[in-house]
Amino acid sequence: MQSRYKLLQEKKKKWPYIVSGTIAGLLIGAMVVWVGMNGWNIDKSIEKLRNLTEVEQSAEVDQTEEPIIEEPIVEEPIQEIPVEEEPVVEDVDMSGANGYIGNELLPQEPTVVEGQVIASKKYPLPADYAPGESKEARAAFQEMAAEATLSGYELIAFSTYRSFDYQTKLYDRYVSNDGQAAADRYSARPGYSEHQTGLAFDIGEQHFEQHFARESFGETEAGKWVAANAHKYGFIMRYPKGSEKITGYMYEPWHFRYVGKELSGQVYEANETLEEFLDL
């Protein structure tokens, strides 16, 4: 009689044959059933099996996702917006601020005193006076700006020549915002602006736009430099501090008028306004 161990070993040796036989039997059975479903036609059965396989492969291809191609985002170029003059009205004495009374009519010719074209509340310009920016004044400013860079200041003239029509729009906007009485203290009516002569330069420091057309410019190092040196290049500060009753305009440490090096030096040394020096 064989031992139990030997019986187990013989069964293990027979087991692969049993499994293989079972699988083969199942495959043969499936093939017989498939051929029977196709009318016992072997060629037809093989053809249908081939078509079924191709459909499954096609389905697998269709389910493959195509890669998503992202189009590059094209950014619009940033356009720099120029800073427009927008003065701040301080609380000061309003007496003599108007100054237009008796000078409401524009003349046919500009007033010239000692070779200087005068534009003020007392001496207006013709509406059609349009010389454009003075080339001589621009050259003088560039000379001054070049000198300022040696001291670390990058000067810019952010407003120079203005036409009669542009001054009209600017003044009307200020009147709309602050009222005429306040606007007359810091903005000229059309025909009365020095900017229409092409000789007035509003000066500031590049990258410090917060001081453009502000009294605070006079407190900056660049503003102090311009106040102390502009006369060397033919410019005078047109509306100094404390001269509103004389000039008709509030303190504007950014507004400089080109009068030439000789006269600018004389006005600076006299420490007077143009009205006082020329007895206007």
C-alpha atoms as a PDB file:
ATOM      1  CA  MET A   1       0.000   0.000   0.000  1.00  0.00           C
ATOM      2  CA  GLN A   2       1.365   3.408  -0.987  1.00  0.00           C
ATOM      3  CA  SER A   3       1.969   5.982   1.713  1.00  0.00           C
ATOM      4  CA  ARG A   4      -0.187   9.077   1.982  1.00  0.00           C
ATOM      5  CA  TYR A   5       2.827  11.246   1.046  1.00  0.00           C
ATOM      6  CA  LYS A   6       3.415   9.390  -2.214  1.00  0.00           C
ATOM      7  CA  LEU A   7      -0.284   9.733  -3.127  1.00  0.00           C
ATOM      8  CA  LEU A   8      -0.100  13.501  -2.656  1.00  0.00           C
ATOM      9  CA  GLN A   9       3.034  13.738  -4.780  1.00  0.00           C
ATOM     10  CA  GLU A  10       1.405  11.799  -7.608  1.00  0.00           C
ATOM     11  CA  LYS A  11      -1.682  14.071  -7.488  1.00  0.00           C
ATOM     12  CA  LYS A  12       0.576  17.159  -7.721  1.00  0.00           C
ATOM     13  CA  LYS A  13       2.248  15.715 -10.805  1.00  0.00           C
ATOM     14  CA  LYS A  14      -1.138  15.071 -12.444  1.00  0.00           C
ATOM     15  CA  TRP A  15      -2.646  18.494 -11.519  1.00  0.00           C
ATOM     16  CA  PRO A  16      -1.143  20.552 -14.437  1.00  0.00           C
ATOM     17  CA  TYR A  17      -2.458  18.003 -16.893  1.00  0.00           C
ATOM     18  CA  ILE A  18      -5.905  18.195 -15.360  1.00  0.00           C
ATOM     19  CA  VAL A  19      -5.939  22.067 -15.552  1.00  0.00           C
ATOM     20  CA  SER A  20      -4.628  22.089 -19.121  1.00  0.00           C
ATOM     21  CA  GLY A  21      -7.172  19.518 -20.152  1.00  0.00           C
ATOM     22  CA  THR A  22      -9.997  21.452 -18.564  1.00  0.00           C
ATOM     23  CA  ILE A  23      -9.008  24.713 -20.342  1.00  0.00           C
ATOM     24  CA  ALA A  24      -8.636  22.876 -23.647  1.00  0.00           C
ATOM     25  CA  GLY A  25     -12.047  21.336 -23.167  1.00  0.00           C
ATOM     26  CA  LEU A  26     -13.608  24.724 -22.499  1.00  0.00           C
ATOM     27  CA  LEU A  27     -11.986  26.244 -25.580  1.00  0.00           C
ATOM     28  CA  ILE A  28     -13.124  23.354 -27.748  1.00  0.00           C
ATOM     29  CA  GLY A  29     -16.615  23.657 -26.286  1.00  0.00           C
ATOM     30  CA  ALA A  30     -16.715  27.393 -26.979  1.00  0.00           C
ATOM     31  CA  MET A  31     -15.567  26.850 -30.537  1.00  0.00           C
ATOM     32  CA  VAL A  32     -18.234  24.205 -31.099  1.00  0.00           C
ATOM     33  CA  VAL A  33     -20.919  26.553 -29.744  1.00  0.00           C
ATOM     34  CA  TRP A  34     -19.623  29.474 -31.907  1.00  0.00           C
ATOM     35  CA  VAL A  35     -19.598  27.333 -35.050  1.00  0.00           C
ATOM     36  CA  GLY A  36     -23.081  26.114 -34.204  1.00  0.00           C
ATOM     37  CA  MET A  37     -24.329  29.725 -33.844  1.00  0.00           C
ATOM     38  CA  ASN A  38     -23.058  30.383 -37.352  1.00  0.00           C
ATOM     39  CA  GLY A  39     -24.855  27.488 -39.001  1.00  0.00           C
ATOM     40  CA  TRP A  40     -21.924  25.091 -38.601  1.00  0.00           C
ATOM     41  CA  ASN A  41     -20.065  27.126 -41.241  1.00  0.00           C
ATOM     42  CA  ILE A  42     -16.414  27.228 -40.171  1.00  0.00           C
ATOM     43  CA  ASP A  43     -15.351  29.962 -42.682  1.00  0.00           C
ATOM     44  CA  LYS A  44     -18.258  32.201 -41.638  1.00  0.00           C
ATOM     45  CA  SER A  45     -17.409  31.675 -37.972  1.00  0.00           C
ATOM     46  CA  ILE A  46     -13.749  32.651 -38.521  1.00  0.00           C
ATOM     47  CA  GLU A  47     -14.757  35.784 -40.535  1.00  0.00           C
ATOM     48  CA  LYS A  48     -17.141  37.013 -37.819  1.00  0.00           C
ATOM     49  CA  LEU A  49     -14.520  36.432 -35.149  1.00  0.00           C
ATOM     50  CA  ARG A  50     -12.026  38.493 -37.171  1.00  0.00           C
ATOM     51  CA  ASN A  51     -14.558  41.382 -37.620  1.00  0.00           C
ATOM     52  CA  LEU A  52     -15.346  41.376 -33.901  1.00  0.00           C
ATOM     53  CA  THR A  53     -11.643  41.683 -33.067  1.00  0.00           C
ATOM     54  CA  GLU A  54     -11.181  44.656 -35.461  1.00  0.00           C
ATOM     55  CA  VAL A  55     -14.155  46.531 -33.924  1.00  0.00           C
ATOM     56  CA  GLU A  56     -12.740  46.165 -30.438  1.00  0.00           C
ATOM     57  CA  GLN A  57      -9.333  47.490 -31.559  1.00  0.00           C
ATOM     58  CA  SER A  58     -10.994  50.445 -33.305  1.00  0.00           C
ATOM     59  CA  ALA A  59     -12.936  51.281 -30.140  1.00  0.00           C
ATOM     60  CA  GLU A  60      -9.709  51.329 -28.155  1.00  0.00           C
ATOM     61  CA  VAL A  61      -8.152  53.819 -30.631  1.00  0.00           C
ATOM     62  CA  ASP A  62     -11.204  56.114 -30.537  1.00  0.00           C
ATOM     63  CA  GLN A  63     -11.053  56.293 -26.763  1.00  0.00           C
ATOM     64  CA  THR A  64      -7.503  57.625 -26.861  1.00  0.00           C
ATOM     65  CA  GLU A  65      -7.583  61.346 -25.901  1.00  0.00           C
ATOM     66  CA  GLU A  66      -5.846  63.763 -28.221  1.00  0.00           C
ATOM     67  CA  PRO A  67      -3.318  66.070 -26.562  1.00  0.00           C
ATOM     68  CA  ILE A  68      -4.602  69.575 -25.829  1.00  0.00           C
ATOM     69  CA  ILE A  69      -2.494  72.236 -27.523  1.00  0.00           C
ATOM     70  CA  GLU A  70      -2.637  75.504 -25.578  1.00  0.00           C
ATOM     71  CA  GLU A  71      -2.318  78.623 -27.671  1.00  0.00           C
ATOM     72  CA  PRO A  72       0.086  81.211 -26.276  1.00  0.00           C
ATOM     73  CA  ILE A  73      -1.540  84.187 -24.574  1.00  0.00           C
ATOM     74  CA  VAL A  74      -0.621  87.404 -26.344  1.00  0.00           C
ATOM     75  CA  GLU A  75      -0.604  90.288 -23.892  1.00  0.00           C
ATOM     76  CA  GLU A  76      -1.611  93.739 -25.052  1.00  0.00           C
ATOM     77  CA  PRO A  77       1.263  96.241 -24.785  1.00  0.00           C
ATOM     78  CA  ILE A  78       0.941  98.546 -21.798  1.00  0.00           C
ATOM     79  CA  GLN A  79       0.454 102.085 -22.933  1.00  0.00           C
ATOM     80  CA  GLU A  80       1.807 104.752 -20.759  1.00  0.00           C
ATOM     81  CA  ILE A  81      -0.692 107.387 -19.877  1.00  0.00           C
ATOM     82  CA  PRO A  82       0.784 110.904 -19.579  1.00  0.00           C
ATOM     83  CA  VAL A  83       0.268 112.666 -16.271  1.00  0.00           C
ATOM     84  CA  GLU A  84      -1.966 115.672 -16.679  1.00  0.00           C
ATOM     85  CA  GLU A  85      -1.595 118.780 -14.590  1.00  0.00           C
ATOM     86  CA  GLU A  86      -4.092 118.714 -11.714  1.00  0.00           C
ATOM     87  CA  PRO A  87      -3.202 121.379  -9.121  1.00  0.00           C
ATOM     88  CA  VAL A  88      -4.247 121.286  -5.493  1.00  0.00           C
ATOM     89  CA  VAL A  89      -5.963 124.404  -4.161  1.00  0.00           C
ATOM     90  CA  GLU A  90      -4.511 125.540  -0.839  1.00  0.00           C
ATOM     91  CA  ASP A  91      -6.199 127.898   1.639  1.00  0.00           C
ATOM     92  CA  VAL A  92      -4.683 131.360   1.034  1.00  0.00           C
ATOM     93  CA  ASP A  93      -5.821 134.972   0.847  1.00  0.00           C
ATOM     94  CA  MET A  94      -8.253 135.389  -2.033  1.00  0.00           C
ATOM     95  CA  SER A  95      -7.826 139.200  -2.349  1.00  0.00           C
ATOM     96  CA  GLY A  96      -6.668 140.277  -5.794  1.00  0.00           C
ATOM     97  CA  ALA A  97      -7.068 136.743  -7.141  1.00  0.00           C
ATOM     98  CA  ASN A  98      -9.325 137.691 -10.051  1.00  0.00           C
ATOM     99  CA  GLY A  99      -7.418 140.505 -11.751  1.00  0.00           C
ATOM    100  CA  TYR A 100      -9.332 140.254 -15.039  1.00  0.00           C
ATOM    101  CA  ILE A 101     -11.589 143.236 -14.390  1.00  0.00           C
ATOM    102  CA  GLY A 102     -11.014 145.832 -17.099  1.00  0.00           C
ATOM    103  CA  ASN A 103      -9.011 143.422 -19.244  1.00  0.00           C
ATOM    104  CA  GLU A 104     -11.771 141.184 -20.561  1.00  0.00           C
ATOM    105  CA  LEU A 105     -11.211 141.872 -24.277  1.00  0.00           C
ATOM    106  CA  LEU A 106      -8.475 140.068 -26.168  1.00  0.00           C
ATOM    107  CA  PRO A 107      -6.172 142.302 -28.277  1.00  0.00           C
ATOM    108  CA  GLN A 108      -5.230 141.998 -31.932  1.00  0.00           C
ATOM    109  CA  GLU A 109      -1.491 141.957 -31.133  1.00  0.00           C
ATOM    110  CA  PRO A 110       0.459 140.638 -28.114  1.00  0.00           C
ATOM    111  CA  THR A 111       2.016 143.041 -25.615  1.00  0.00           C
ATOM    112  CA  VAL A 112       5.815 143.191 -25.835  1.00  0.00           C
ATOM    113  CA  VAL A 113       7.892 144.895 -23.117  1.00  0.00           C
ATOM    114  CA  GLU A 114      11.686 145.126 -23.442  1.00  0.00           C
ATOM    115  CA  GLY A 115      11.624 142.379 -26.020  1.00  0.00           C
ATOM    116  CA  GLN A 116       9.501 140.043 -23.839  1.00  0.00           C
ATOM    117  CA  VAL A 117       6.060 138.801 -24.879  1.00  0.00           C
ATOM    118  CA  ILE A 118       3.849 139.387 -21.855  1.00  0.00           C
ATOM    119  CA  ALA A 119       0.932 137.140 -20.934  1.00  0.00           C
ATOM    120  CA  SER A 120      -0.865 137.841 -17.681  1.00  0.00           C
ATOM    121  CA  LYS A 121      -4.301 138.715 -16.334  1.00  0.00           C
ATOM    122  CA  LYS A 122      -3.620 142.331 -17.245  1.00  0.00           C
ATOM    123  CA  TYR A 123      -2.030 141.693 -20.653  1.00  0.00           C
ATOM    124  CA  PRO A 124      -3.813 138.944 -22.636  1.00  0.00           C
ATOM    125  CA  LEU A 125      -2.830 137.473 -25.997  1.00  0.00           C
ATOM    126  CA  PRO A 126      -4.804 137.332 -29.264  1.00  0.00           C
ATOM    127  CA  ALA A 127      -6.858 134.172 -29.626  1.00  0.00           C
ATOM    128  CA  ASP A 128      -5.016 133.290 -32.849  1.00  0.00           C
ATOM    129  CA  TYR A 129      -1.534 133.754 -31.369  1.00  0.00           C
ATOM    130  CA  ALA A 130       0.048 130.326 -31.874  1.00  0.00           C
ATOM    131  CA  PRO A 131       3.868 130.347 -32.056  1.00  0.00           C
ATOM    132  CA  GLY A 132       4.276 126.794 -30.740  1.00  0.00           C
ATOM    133  CA  GLU A 133       6.988 125.776 -28.307  1.00  0.00           C
ATOM    134  CA  SER A 134      10.015 128.074 -28.397  1.00  0.00           C
ATOM    135  CA  LYS A 135      13.057 126.270 -29.822  1.00  0.00           C
ATOM    136  CA  GLU A 136      15.333 128.617 -27.882  1.00  0.00           C
ATOM    137  CA  ALA A 137      13.537 127.838 -24.625  1.00  0.00           C
ATOM    138  CA  ARG A 138      13.664 124.098 -25.347  1.00  0.00           C
ATOM    139  CA  ALA A 139      17.415 124.231 -25.993  1.00  0.00           C
ATOM    140  CA  ALA A 140      17.910 126.160 -22.740  1.00  0.00           C
ATOM    141  CA  PHE A 141      15.868 123.595 -20.831  1.00  0.00           C
ATOM    142  CA  GLN A 142      17.858 120.702 -22.279  1.00  0.00           C
ATOM    143  CA  GLU A 143      21.066 122.435 -21.227  1.00  0.00           C
ATOM    144  CA  MET A 144      19.710 122.858 -17.716  1.00  0.00           C
ATOM    145  CA  ALA A 145      18.433 119.256 -17.580  1.00  0.00           C
ATOM    146  CA  ALA A 146      21.850 117.955 -18.653  1.00  0.00           C
ATOM    147  CA  GLU A 147      23.500 119.925 -15.867  1.00  0.00           C
ATOM    148  CA  ALA A 148      20.944 118.675 -13.349  1.00  0.00           C
ATOM    149  CA  THR A 149      21.821 115.042 -14.088  1.00  0.00           C
ATOM    150  CA  LEU A 150      25.317 115.709 -12.717  1.00  0.00           C
ATOM    151  CA  SER A 151      23.655 116.417  -9.384  1.00  0.00           C
ATOM    152  CA  GLY A 152      21.438 113.327  -9.664  1.00  0.00           C
ATOM    153  CA  TYR A 153      18.194 114.955 -10.864  1.00  0.00           C
ATOM    154  CA  GLU A 154      16.369 113.871 -14.030  1.00  0.00           C
ATOM    155  CA  LEU A 155      14.276 116.877 -14.996  1.00  0.00           C
ATOM    156  CA  ILE A 156      11.328 116.791 -17.376  1.00  0.00           C
ATOM    157  CA  ALA A 157       9.151 119.522 -18.877  1.00  0.00           C
ATOM    158  CA  PHE A 158       5.715 117.946 -18.554  1.00  0.00           C
ATOM    159  CA  SER A 159       3.783 120.894 -20.004  1.00  0.00           C
ATOM    160  CA  THR A 160       5.032 123.646 -22.324  1.00  0.00           C
ATOM    161  CA  TYR A 161       3.120 125.202 -25.233  1.00  0.00           C
ATOM    162  CA  ARG A 162      -0.682 125.147 -25.084  1.00  0.00           C
ATOM    163  CA  SER A 163      -2.971 126.415 -27.791  1.00  0.00           C
ATOM    164  CA  PHE A 164      -5.883 128.775 -27.105  1.00  0.00           C
ATOM    165  CA  ASP A 165      -8.350 125.922 -27.671  1.00  0.00           C
ATOM    166  CA  TYR A 166      -6.550 123.526 -25.332  1.00  0.00           C
ATOM    167  CA  GLN A 167      -6.356 126.173 -22.599  1.00  0.00           C
ATOM    168  CA  THR A 168     -10.095 126.731 -23.016  1.00  0.00           C
ATOM    169  CA  LYS A 169     -10.837 123.045 -22.320  1.00  0.00           C
ATOM    170  CA  LEU A 170      -8.407 122.941 -19.402  1.00  0.00           C
ATOM    171  CA  TYR A 171      -9.765 126.076 -17.744  1.00  0.00           C
ATOM    172  CA  ASP A 172     -13.397 125.023 -18.217  1.00  0.00           C
ATOM    173  CA  ARG A 173     -12.654 121.701 -16.532  1.00  0.00           C
ATOM    174  CA  TYR A 174     -11.067 123.413 -13.534  1.00  0.00           C
ATOM    175  CA  VAL A 175     -14.029 125.785 -13.232  1.00  0.00           C
ATOM    176  CA  SER A 176     -16.374 122.793 -13.335  1.00  0.00           C
ATOM    177  CA  ASN A 177     -14.371 121.041 -10.594  1.00  0.00           C
ATOM    178  CA  ASP A 178     -13.567 123.929  -8.215  1.00  0.00           C
ATOM    179  CA  GLY A 179     -15.624 126.949  -9.296  1.00  0.00           C
ATOM    180  CA  GLN A 180     -14.383 130.012 -11.173  1.00  0.00           C
ATOM    181  CA  ALA A 181     -13.018 131.929  -8.174  1.00  0.00           C
ATOM    182  CA  ALA A 182     -10.746 129.049  -7.182  1.00  0.00           C
ATOM    183  CA  ALA A 183      -9.790 128.187 -10.771  1.00  0.00           C
ATOM    184  CA  ASP A 184      -8.719 131.784 -11.443  1.00  0.00           C
ATOM    185  CA  ARG A 185      -6.048 131.423  -8.770  1.00  0.00           C
ATOM    186  CA  TYR A 186      -4.179 128.553 -10.426  1.00  0.00           C
ATOM    187  CA  SER A 187      -5.310 128.405 -14.055  1.00  0.00           C
ATOM    188  CA  ALA A 188      -5.329 131.144 -16.691  1.00  0.00           C
ATOM    189  CA  ARG A 189      -8.381 131.892 -18.744  1.00  0.00           C
ATOM    190  CA  PRO A 190      -7.955 131.213 -22.484  1.00  0.00           C
ATOM    191  CA  GLY A 191      -5.884 134.014 -24.011  1.00  0.00           C
ATOM    192  CA  TYR A 192      -4.195 134.894 -20.700  1.00  0.00           C
ATOM    193  CA  SER A 193      -1.926 131.881 -20.274  1.00  0.00           C
ATOM    194  CA  GLU A 194       1.871 132.112 -20.490  1.00  0.00           C
ATOM    195  CA  HIS A 195       1.811 128.623 -21.970  1.00  0.00           C
ATOM    196  CA  GLN A 196       0.280 130.095 -25.134  1.00  0.00           C
ATOM    197  CA  THR A 197       3.543 132.037 -25.677  1.00  0.00           C
ATOM    198  CA  GLY A 198       5.505 128.782 -25.934  1.00  0.00           C
ATOM    199  CA  LEU A 199       7.956 130.193 -23.363  1.00  0.00           C
ATOM    200  CA  ALA A 200       6.486 128.705 -20.183  1.00  0.00           C
ATOM    201  CA  PHE A 201       7.827 125.324 -19.014  1.00  0.00           C
ATOM    202  CA  ASP A 202       6.230 123.310 -16.220  1.00  0.00           C
ATOM    203  CA  ILE A 203       9.142 121.378 -14.753  1.00  0.00           C
ATOM    204  CA  GLY A 204       9.202 118.243 -12.615  1.00  0.00           C
ATOM    205  CA  GLU A 205      11.431 115.309 -11.787  1.00  0.00           C
ATOM    206  CA  GLN A 206      11.180 112.108 -13.800  1.00  0.00           C
ATOM    207  CA  HIS A 207       9.582 109.217 -11.857  1.00  0.00           C
ATOM    208  CA  PHE A 208       8.235 111.600  -9.189  1.00  0.00           C
ATOM    209  CA  GLU A 209       4.936 112.459 -10.879  1.00  0.00           C
ATOM    210  CA  GLN A 210       3.231 112.854  -7.503  1.00  0.00           C
ATOM    211  CA  HIS A 211       4.908 116.284  -7.306  1.00  0.00           C
ATOM    212  CA  PHE A 212       3.892 117.426 -10.804  1.00  0.00           C
ATOM    213  CA  ALA A 213       2.006 120.756 -10.582  1.00  0.00           C
ATOM    214  CA  ARG A 214       2.149 120.562  -6.783  1.00  0.00           C
ATOM    215  CA  GLU A 215       3.583 122.959  -4.228  1.00  0.00           C
ATOM    216  CA  SER A 216       5.386 119.911  -2.812  1.00  0.00           C
ATOM    217  CA  PHE A 217       7.791 120.071  -5.773  1.00  0.00           C
ATOM    218  CA  GLY A 218       9.364 123.139  -4.170  1.00  0.00           C
ATOM    219  CA  GLU A 219      10.236 121.041  -1.103  1.00  0.00           C
ATOM    220  CA  THR A 220      11.998 118.293  -3.067  1.00  0.00           C
ATOM    221  CA  GLU A 221      15.741 118.397  -3.640  1.00  0.00           C
ATOM    222  CA  ALA A 222      15.168 118.593  -7.390  1.00  0.00           C
ATOM    223  CA  GLY A 223      12.748 121.491  -6.934  1.00  0.00           C
ATOM    224  CA  LYS A 224      15.221 123.362  -4.773  1.00  0.00           C
ATOM    225  CA  TRP A 225      17.932 122.790  -7.368  1.00  0.00           C
ATOM    226  CA  VAL A 226      15.764 124.234 -10.166  1.00  0.00           C
ATOM    227  CA  ALA A 227      14.780 127.256  -8.059  1.00  0.00           C
ATOM    228  CA  ALA A 228      18.448 128.021  -7.343  1.00  0.00           C
ATOM    229  CA  ASN A 229      19.825 127.354 -10.846  1.00  0.00           C
ATOM    230  CA  ALA A 230      17.120 128.026 -13.458  1.00  0.00           C
ATOM    231  CA  HIS A 231      18.201 131.670 -13.908  1.00  0.00           C
ATOM    232  CA  LYS A 232      21.606 130.463 -15.176  1.00  0.00           C
ATOM    233  CA  TYR A 233      19.833 129.033 -18.212  1.00  0.00           C
ATOM    234  CA  GLY A 234      17.374 131.869 -18.875  1.00  0.00           C
ATOM    235  CA  PHE A 235      14.376 130.799 -16.740  1.00  0.00           C
ATOM    236  CA  ILE A 236      12.662 132.549 -13.839  1.00  0.00           C
ATOM    237  CA  MET A 237      10.130 131.152 -11.387  1.00  0.00           C
ATOM    238  CA  ARG A 238       7.094 133.021 -12.635  1.00  0.00           C
ATOM    239  CA  TYR A 239       4.844 132.782  -9.581  1.00  0.00           C
ATOM    240  CA  PRO A 240       6.966 132.780  -6.405  1.00  0.00           C
ATOM    241  CA  LYS A 241       5.632 132.178  -2.904  1.00  0.00           C
ATOM    242  CA  GLY A 242       3.820 135.155  -1.385  1.00  0.00           C
ATOM    243  CA  SER A 243       3.354 137.005  -4.696  1.00  0.00           C
ATOM    244  CA  GLU A 244      -0.265 136.143  -5.500  1.00  0.00           C
ATOM    245  CA  LYS A 245      -1.446 139.733  -5.013  1.00  0.00           C
ATOM    246  CA  ILE A 246       1.153 140.822  -7.585  1.00  0.00           C
ATOM    247  CA  THR A 247       0.993 138.070 -10.191  1.00  0.00           C
ATOM    248  CA  GLY A 248      -2.633 137.027  -9.651  1.00  0.00           C
ATOM    249  CA  TYR A 249      -1.653 133.373  -9.242  1.00  0.00           C
ATOM    250  CA  MET A 250      -0.898 131.162  -6.270  1.00  0.00           C
ATOM    251  CA  TYR A 251       2.604 129.826  -5.602  1.00  0.00           C
ATOM    252  CA  GLU A 252       3.754 127.551  -8.442  1.00  0.00           C
ATOM    253  CA  PRO A 253       7.305 126.266  -7.857  1.00  0.00           C
ATOM    254  CA  TRP A 254       7.022 124.155 -11.052  1.00  0.00           C
ATOM    255  CA  HIS A 255       6.125 127.007 -13.487  1.00  0.00           C
ATOM    256  CA  PHE A 256       9.162 128.659 -15.106  1.00  0.00           C
ATOM    257  CA  ARG A 257       9.221 131.285 -17.829  1.00  0.00           C
ATOM    258  CA  TYR A 258      12.057 131.639 -20.316  1.00  0.00           C
ATOM    259  CA  VAL A 259      13.235 135.282 -20.641  1.00  0.00           C
ATOM    260  CA  GLY A 260      16.876 134.797 -21.671  1.00  0.00           C
ATOM    261  CA  LYS A 261      19.981 134.544 -19.510  1.00  0.00           C
ATOM    262  CA  GLU A 262      20.567 138.295 -19.117  1.00  0.00           C
ATOM    263  CA  LEU A 263      17.100 139.220 -17.869  1.00  0.00           C
ATOM    264  CA  SER A 264      16.685 136.042 -15.810  1.00  0.00           C
ATOM    265  CA  GLY A 265      19.872 136.798 -13.909  1.00  0.00           C
ATOM    266  CA  GLN A 266      18.726 140.364 -13.215  1.00  0.00           C
ATOM    267  CA  VAL A 267      15.281 139.285 -11.993  1.00  0.00           C
ATOM    268  CA  TYR A 268      16.823 136.590  -9.798  1.00  0.00           C
ATOM    269  CA  GLU A 269      19.306 138.976  -8.208  1.00  0.00           C
ATOM    270  CA  ALA A 270      16.552 141.555  -7.606  1.00  0.00           C
ATOM    271  CA  ASN A 271      14.393 138.843  -6.019  1.00  0.00           C
ATOM    272  CA  GLU A 272      11.351 140.307  -7.760  1.00  0.00           C
ATOM    273  CA  THR A 273       8.517 139.097  -9.942  1.00  0.00           C
ATOM    274  CA  LEU A 274       8.428 139.933 -13.655  1.00  0.00           C
ATOM    275  CA  GLU A 275       5.603 142.399 -12.920  1.00  0.00           C
ATOM    276  CA  GLU A 276       7.780 144.224 -10.394  1.00  0.00           C
ATOM    277  CA  PHE A 277      10.974 144.205 -12.442  1.00  0.00           C
ATOM    278  CA  LEU A 278       9.337 145.412 -15.696  1.00  0.00           C
ATOM    279  CA  ASP A 279       6.787 147.593 -13.877  1.00  0.00           C
ATOM    280  CA  LEU A 280       3.896 145.878 -15.603  1.00  0.00           C
END
